Every structure is written in C-alpha cells, then in structure tokens.
Amino acid sequence: MPKIKTHSRAKKTFRVTGTGKIRRYKAFKSHLLTKKSKSRKRGLRIHGLVHPTNAKLVKRMLVMA
C-alpha cells in the first residue's frame, strides 16, 4: 500500500485549529483592490472557518481523517 500524500495547495491554504476545525482565508483579496472599500478589505483579512459540509473533503486533502 503506497503512502497517502497531502494535497500541496491545501496545506498552504488551510490550518487546523486546536478544537479540530479548519481555518481558511477569505477569497477576493488578491488583486483589483483599488475598487474595493477599506472596510471590505479589512473584513476580508479576518479568517473564516470551513463549512461543516466541506470539512470532510478538506480533512481528506490534509490527510487527517
């Protein structure tokens, strides 16, 4: 049986919290920032959590499950 590899993009994008939840970064913060308001960009800085329906898939990409 071969070793299971971690998904390379997932390990750079997601982090696991102490309680086992998956932390993610918000989208729409990479470019075209001049047209976005300060408050919108400030809100995009805050980390979010992966929705429970997608958590199983992300955990599998991170080889946790």
PDB file of N, CA and C in Angstrom:
ATOM      1  N   MET A   1       0.846  -1.184   0.000  1.00  0.00           N
ATOM      2  CA  MET A   1       0.000   0.000   0.000  1.00  0.00           C
ATOM      3  C   MET A   1       0.893   1.250   0.000  1.00  0.00           C
ATOM      4  N   PRO A   2       0.730   2.160  -0.977  1.00  0.00           N
ATOM      5  CA  PRO A   2       1.571   3.363  -1.017  1.00  0.00           C
ATOM      6  C   PRO A   2       1.148   4.379   0.048  1.00  0.00           C
ATOM      7  N   LYS A   3       2.067   5.281   0.336  1.00  0.00           N
ATOM      8  CA  LYS A   3       1.772   6.340   1.298  1.00  0.00           C
ATOM      9  C   LYS A   3       0.763   7.311   0.686  1.00  0.00           C
ATOM     10  N   ILE A   4      -0.080   7.899   1.539  1.00  0.00           N
ATOM     11  CA  ILE A   4      -1.044   8.900   1.077  1.00  0.00           C
ATOM     12  C   ILE A   4      -0.377  10.266   1.170  1.00  0.00           C
ATOM     13  N   LYS A   5      -0.380  10.985   0.062  1.00  0.00           N
ATOM     14  CA  LYS A   5       0.263  12.295   0.034  1.00  0.00           C
ATOM     15  C   LYS A   5      -0.732  13.399   0.393  1.00  0.00           C
ATOM     16  N   THR A   6      -0.226  14.446   1.021  1.00  0.00           N
ATOM     17  CA  THR A   6      -1.022  15.623   1.352  1.00  0.00           C
ATOM     18  C   THR A   6      -1.171  16.471   0.104  1.00  0.00           C
ATOM     19  N   HIS A   7      -2.352  17.052  -0.070  1.00  0.00           N
ATOM     20  CA  HIS A   7      -2.605  17.956  -1.189  1.00  0.00           C
ATOM     21  C   HIS A   7      -1.798  19.236  -0.963  1.00  0.00           C
ATOM     22  N   SER A   8      -0.901  19.566  -1.903  1.00  0.00           N
ATOM     23  CA  SER A   8       0.059  20.657  -1.694  1.00  0.00           C
ATOM     24  C   SER A   8      -0.609  22.016  -1.497  1.00  0.00           C
ATOM     25  N   ARG A   9      -1.654  22.316  -2.288  1.00  0.00           N
ATOM     26  CA  ARG A   9      -2.325  23.603  -2.144  1.00  0.00           C
ATOM     27  C   ARG A   9      -3.080  23.671  -0.824  1.00  0.00           C
ATOM     28  N   ALA A  10      -3.648  22.547  -0.407  1.00  0.00           N
ATOM     29  CA  ALA A  10      -4.435  22.545   0.827  1.00  0.00           C
ATOM     30  C   ALA A  10      -3.570  22.828   2.049  1.00  0.00           C
ATOM     31  N   LYS A  11      -2.354  22.304   2.081  1.00  0.00           N
ATOM     32  CA  LYS A  11      -1.518  22.538   3.255  1.00  0.00           C
ATOM     33  C   LYS A  11      -1.048  23.984   3.344  1.00  0.00           C
ATOM     34  N   LYS A  12      -1.039  24.710   2.205  1.00  0.00           N
ATOM     35  CA  LYS A  12      -0.680  26.123   2.213  1.00  0.00           C
ATOM     36  C   LYS A  12      -1.883  27.014   2.523  1.00  0.00           C
ATOM     37  N   THR A  13      -3.080  26.519   2.269  1.00  0.00           N
ATOM     38  CA  THR A  13      -4.292  27.329   2.370  1.00  0.00           C
ATOM     39  C   THR A  13      -5.008  27.164   3.697  1.00  0.00           C
ATOM     40  N   PHE A  14      -5.100  25.953   4.201  1.00  0.00           N
ATOM     41  CA  PHE A  14      -5.894  25.664   5.393  1.00  0.00           C
ATOM     42  C   PHE A  14      -5.005  25.383   6.600  1.00  0.00           C
ATOM     43  N   ARG A  15      -5.532  25.721   7.788  1.00  0.00           N
ATOM     44  CA  ARG A  15      -4.866  25.403   9.047  1.00  0.00           C
ATOM     45  C   ARG A  15      -5.892  24.740   9.958  1.00  0.00           C
ATOM     46  N   VAL A  16      -5.437  23.901  10.843  1.00  0.00           N
ATOM     47  CA  VAL A  16      -6.323  23.229  11.784  1.00  0.00           C
ATOM     48  C   VAL A  16      -6.258  23.948  13.124  1.00  0.00           C
ATOM     49  N   THR A  17      -7.418  24.261  13.686  1.00  0.00           N
ATOM     50  CA  THR A  17      -7.473  24.927  14.982  1.00  0.00           C
ATOM     51  C   THR A  17      -7.255  23.903  16.092  1.00  0.00           C
ATOM     52  N   GLY A  18      -7.153  24.376  17.308  1.00  0.00           N
ATOM     53  CA  GLY A  18      -6.952  23.486  18.437  1.00  0.00           C
ATOM     54  C   GLY A  18      -8.117  22.551  18.685  1.00  0.00           C
ATOM     55  N   THR A  19      -9.320  22.991  18.307  1.00  0.00           N
ATOM     56  CA  THR A  19     -10.510  22.161  18.508  1.00  0.00           C
ATOM     57  C   THR A  19     -10.773  21.226  17.329  1.00  0.00           C
ATOM     58  N   GLY A  20      -9.932  21.299  16.280  1.00  0.00           N
ATOM     59  CA  GLY A  20     -10.075  20.399  15.144  1.00  0.00           C
ATOM     60  C   GLY A  20     -10.842  20.987  13.975  1.00  0.00           C
ATOM     61  N   LYS A  21     -11.267  22.240  14.086  1.00  0.00           N
ATOM     62  CA  LYS A  21     -11.948  22.889  12.967  1.00  0.00           C
ATOM     63  C   LYS A  21     -10.909  23.346  11.948  1.00  0.00           C
ATOM     64  N   ILE A  22     -11.351  23.596  10.717  1.00  0.00           N
ATOM     65  CA  ILE A  22     -10.450  24.001   9.646  1.00  0.00           C
ATOM     66  C   ILE A  22     -10.594  25.500   9.417  1.00  0.00           C
ATOM     67  N   ARG A  23      -9.486  26.217   9.517  1.00  0.00           N
ATOM     68  CA  ARG A  23      -9.477  27.657   9.280  1.00  0.00           C
ATOM     69  C   ARG A  23      -9.122  27.918   7.828  1.00  0.00           C
ATOM     70  N   ARG A  24      -9.749  28.914   7.218  1.00  0.00           N
ATOM     71  CA  ARG A  24      -9.486  29.243   5.826  1.00  0.00           C
ATOM     72  C   ARG A  24      -9.322  30.750   5.676  1.00  0.00           C
ATOM     73  N   TYR A  25      -8.745  31.154   4.547  1.00  0.00           N
ATOM     74  CA  TYR A  25      -8.638  32.562   4.212  1.00  0.00           C
ATOM     75  C   TYR A  25      -9.816  32.964   3.351  1.00  0.00           C
ATOM     76  N   LYS A  26     -10.209  34.213   3.425  1.00  0.00           N
ATOM     77  CA  LYS A  26     -11.319  34.710   2.620  1.00  0.00           C
ATOM     78  C   LYS A  26     -10.851  34.920   1.177  1.00  0.00           C
ATOM     79  N   ALA A  27     -11.774  34.792   0.247  1.00  0.00           N
ATOM     80  CA  ALA A  27     -11.477  34.993  -1.171  1.00  0.00           C
ATOM     81  C   ALA A  27     -11.578  36.483  -1.518  1.00  0.00           C
ATOM     82  N   PHE A  28     -11.200  36.839  -2.738  1.00  0.00           N
ATOM     83  CA  PHE A  28     -11.330  38.195  -3.307  1.00  0.00           C
ATOM     84  C   PHE A  28     -10.402  39.212  -2.650  1.00  0.00           C
ATOM     85  N   LYS A  29      -9.240  38.787  -2.174  1.00  0.00           N
ATOM     86  CA  LYS A  29      -8.303  39.718  -1.532  1.00  0.00           C
ATOM     87  C   LYS A  29      -6.964  39.749  -2.261  1.00  0.00           C
ATOM     88  N   SER A  30      -6.884  39.169  -3.469  1.00  0.00           N
ATOM     89  CA  SER A  30      -5.587  39.036  -4.118  1.00  0.00           C
ATOM     90  C   SER A  30      -5.265  40.164  -5.109  1.00  0.00           C
ATOM     91  N   HIS A  31      -6.265  40.666  -5.823  1.00  0.00           N
ATOM     92  CA  HIS A  31      -5.985  41.721  -6.806  1.00  0.00           C
ATOM     93  C   HIS A  31      -7.249  42.552  -7.016  1.00  0.00           C
ATOM     94  N   LEU A  32      -7.137  43.614  -7.830  1.00  0.00           N
ATOM     95  CA  LEU A  32      -8.228  44.570  -8.073  1.00  0.00           C
ATOM     96  C   LEU A  32      -8.733  45.180  -6.760  1.00  0.00           C
ATOM     97  N   LEU A  33      -7.783  45.618  -5.932  1.00  0.00           N
ATOM     98  CA  LEU A  33      -8.139  46.098  -4.604  1.00  0.00           C
ATOM     99  C   LEU A  33      -8.489  47.586  -4.566  1.00  0.00           C
ATOM    100  N   THR A  34      -8.209  48.332  -5.644  1.00  0.00           N
ATOM    101  CA  THR A  34      -8.463  49.772  -5.613  1.00  0.00           C
ATOM    102  C   THR A  34      -9.954  50.084  -5.625  1.00  0.00           C
ATOM    103  N   LYS A  35     -10.756  49.237  -6.240  1.00  0.00           N
ATOM    104  CA  LYS A  35     -12.202  49.491  -6.306  1.00  0.00           C
ATOM    105  C   LYS A  35     -12.947  48.993  -5.072  1.00  0.00           C
ATOM    106  N   LYS A  36     -12.265  48.268  -4.209  1.00  0.00           N
ATOM    107  CA  LYS A  36     -12.912  47.744  -3.010  1.00  0.00           C
ATOM    108  C   LYS A  36     -12.712  48.708  -1.844  1.00  0.00           C
ATOM    109  N   SER A  37     -13.731  48.856  -1.025  1.00  0.00           N
ATOM    110  CA  SER A  37     -13.672  49.815   0.075  1.00  0.00           C
ATOM    111  C   SER A  37     -12.733  49.322   1.173  1.00  0.00           C
ATOM    112  N   LYS A  38     -12.315  50.251   2.018  1.00  0.00           N
ATOM    113  CA  LYS A  38     -11.405  49.910   3.113  1.00  0.00           C
ATOM    114  C   LYS A  38     -12.046  48.915   4.060  1.00  0.00           C
ATOM    115  N   SER A  39     -13.317  49.140   4.356  1.00  0.00           N
ATOM    116  CA  SER A  39     -13.982  48.250   5.307  1.00  0.00           C
ATOM    117  C   SER A  39     -14.156  46.849   4.729  1.00  0.00           C
ATOM    118  N   ARG A  40     -14.371  46.766   3.413  1.00  0.00           N
ATOM    119  CA  ARG A  40     -14.496  45.456   2.772  1.00  0.00           C
ATOM    120  C   ARG A  40     -13.175  44.702   2.822  1.00  0.00           C
ATOM    121  N   LYS A  41     -12.074  45.402   2.516  1.00  0.00           N
ATOM    122  CA  LYS A  41     -10.755  44.765   2.555  1.00  0.00           C
ATOM    123  C   LYS A  41     -10.371  44.378   3.979  1.00  0.00           C
ATOM    124  N   ARG A  42     -10.765  45.188   4.951  1.00  0.00           N
ATOM    125  CA  ARG A  42     -10.489  44.892   6.348  1.00  0.00           C
ATOM    126  C   ARG A  42     -11.246  43.636   6.791  1.00  0.00           C
ATOM    127  N   GLY A  43     -12.469  43.491   6.314  1.00  0.00           N
ATOM    128  CA  GLY A  43     -13.257  42.307   6.625  1.00  0.00           C
ATOM    129  C   GLY A  43     -12.705  41.051   5.979  1.00  0.00           C
ATOM    130  N   LEU A  44     -12.087  41.202   4.819  1.00  0.00           N
ATOM    131  CA  LEU A  44     -11.509  40.048   4.122  1.00  0.00           C
ATOM    132  C   LEU A  44     -10.224  39.558   4.788  1.00  0.00           C
ATOM    133  N   ARG A  45      -9.639  40.388   5.667  1.00  0.00           N
ATOM    134  CA  ARG A  45      -8.430  39.982   6.376  1.00  0.00           C
ATOM    135  C   ARG A  45      -8.715  38.921   7.430  1.00  0.00           C
ATOM    136  N   ILE A  46      -9.930  38.930   7.950  1.00  0.00           N
ATOM    137  CA  ILE A  46     -10.297  38.041   9.058  1.00  0.00           C
ATOM    138  C   ILE A  46     -10.456  36.620   8.529  1.00  0.00           C
ATOM    139  N   HIS A  47      -9.898  35.658   9.253  1.00  0.00           N
ATOM    140  CA  HIS A  47     -10.011  34.264   8.854  1.00  0.00           C
ATOM    141  C   HIS A  47     -11.434  33.780   9.053  1.00  0.00           C
ATOM    142  N   GLY A  48     -11.845  32.844   8.196  1.00  0.00           N
ATOM    143  CA  GLY A  48     -13.139  32.194   8.356  1.00  0.00           C
ATOM    144  C   GLY A  48     -12.922  30.727   8.658  1.00  0.00           C
ATOM    145  N   LEU A  49     -14.011  30.021   8.871  1.00  0.00           N
ATOM    146  CA  LEU A  49     -13.942  28.585   9.088  1.00  0.00           C
ATOM    147  C   LEU A  49     -14.582  27.873   7.904  1.00  0.00           C
ATOM    148  N   VAL A  50     -14.070  26.711   7.589  1.00  0.00           N
ATOM    149  CA  VAL A  50     -14.638  25.900   6.515  1.00  0.00           C
ATOM    150  C   VAL A  50     -15.991  25.385   6.987  1.00  0.00           C
ATOM    151  N   HIS A  51     -16.973  25.443   6.110  1.00  0.00           N
ATOM    152  CA  HIS A  51     -18.320  24.977   6.429  1.00  0.00           C
ATOM    153  C   HIS A  51     -18.286  23.471   6.705  1.00  0.00           C
ATOM    154  N   PRO A  52     -19.090  23.010   7.653  1.00  0.00           N
ATOM    155  CA  PRO A  52     -19.060  21.575   8.001  1.00  0.00           C
ATOM    156  C   PRO A  52     -19.303  20.630   6.825  1.00  0.00           C
ATOM    157  N   THR A  53     -20.063  21.075   5.818  1.00  0.00           N
ATOM    158  CA  THR A  53     -20.309  20.203   4.669  1.00  0.00           C
ATOM    159  C   THR A  53     -19.057  19.985   3.830  1.00  0.00           C
ATOM    160  N   ASN A  54     -18.119  20.928   3.882  1.00  0.00           N
ATOM    161  CA  ASN A  54     -16.874  20.804   3.126  1.00  0.00           C
ATOM    162  C   ASN A  54     -15.706  20.338   3.982  1.00  0.00           C
ATOM    163  N   ALA A  55     -15.892  20.284   5.288  1.00  0.00           N
ATOM    164  CA  ALA A  55     -14.787  19.971   6.202  1.00  0.00           C
ATOM    165  C   ALA A  55     -14.227  18.567   5.962  1.00  0.00           C
ATOM    166  N   LYS A  56     -15.086  17.607   5.674  1.00  0.00           N
ATOM    167  CA  LYS A  56     -14.630  16.240   5.465  1.00  0.00           C
ATOM    168  C   LYS A  56     -13.691  16.158   4.253  1.00  0.00           C
ATOM    169  N   LEU A  57     -14.036  16.861   3.181  1.00  0.00           N
ATOM    170  CA  LEU A  57     -13.205  16.885   1.977  1.00  0.00           C
ATOM    171  C   LEU A  57     -11.856  17.523   2.251  1.00  0.00           C
ATOM    172  N   VAL A  58     -11.865  18.651   2.973  1.00  0.00           N
ATOM    173  CA  VAL A  58     -10.605  19.356   3.281  1.00  0.00           C
ATOM    174  C   VAL A  58      -9.739  18.513   4.194  1.00  0.00           C
ATOM    175  N   LYS A  59     -10.332  17.853   5.173  1.00  0.00           N
ATOM    176  CA  LYS A  59      -9.566  16.975   6.063  1.00  0.00           C
ATOM    177  C   LYS A  59      -8.918  15.843   5.292  1.00  0.00           C
ATOM    178  N   ARG A  60      -9.627  15.329   4.285  1.00  0.00           N
ATOM    179  CA  ARG A  60      -9.064  14.261   3.464  1.00  0.00           C
ATOM    180  C   ARG A  60      -7.881  14.783   2.634  1.00  0.00           C
ATOM    181  N   MET A  61      -7.982  16.033   2.165  1.00  0.00           N
ATOM    182  CA  MET A  61      -6.863  16.633   1.414  1.00  0.00           C
ATOM    183  C   MET A  61      -5.658  16.850   2.325  1.00  0.00           C
ATOM    184  N   LEU A  62      -5.922  17.117   3.604  1.00  0.00           N
ATOM    185  CA  LEU A  62      -4.837  17.326   4.560  1.00  0.00           C
ATOM    186  C   LEU A  62      -4.368  16.027   5.195  1.00  0.00           C
ATOM    187  N   VAL A  63      -4.975  14.905   4.822  1.00  0.00           N
ATOM    188  CA  VAL A  63      -4.660  13.566   5.323  1.00  0.00           C
ATOM    189  C   VAL A  63      -4.745  13.539   6.845  1.00  0.00           C
ATOM    190  N   MET A  64      -5.879  13.985   7.361  1.00  0.00           N
ATOM    191  CA  MET A  64      -6.127  13.948   8.805  1.00  0.00           C
ATOM    192  C   MET A  64      -7.069  12.793   9.139  1.00  0.00           C
ATOM    193  N   ALA A  65      -7.986  12.515   8.206  1.00  0.00           N
ATOM    194  CA  ALA A  65      -9.015  11.501   8.508  1.00  0.00           C
ATOM    195  C   ALA A  65      -8.564  10.114   8.128  1.00  0.00           C
TER     196      ALA A  65
END
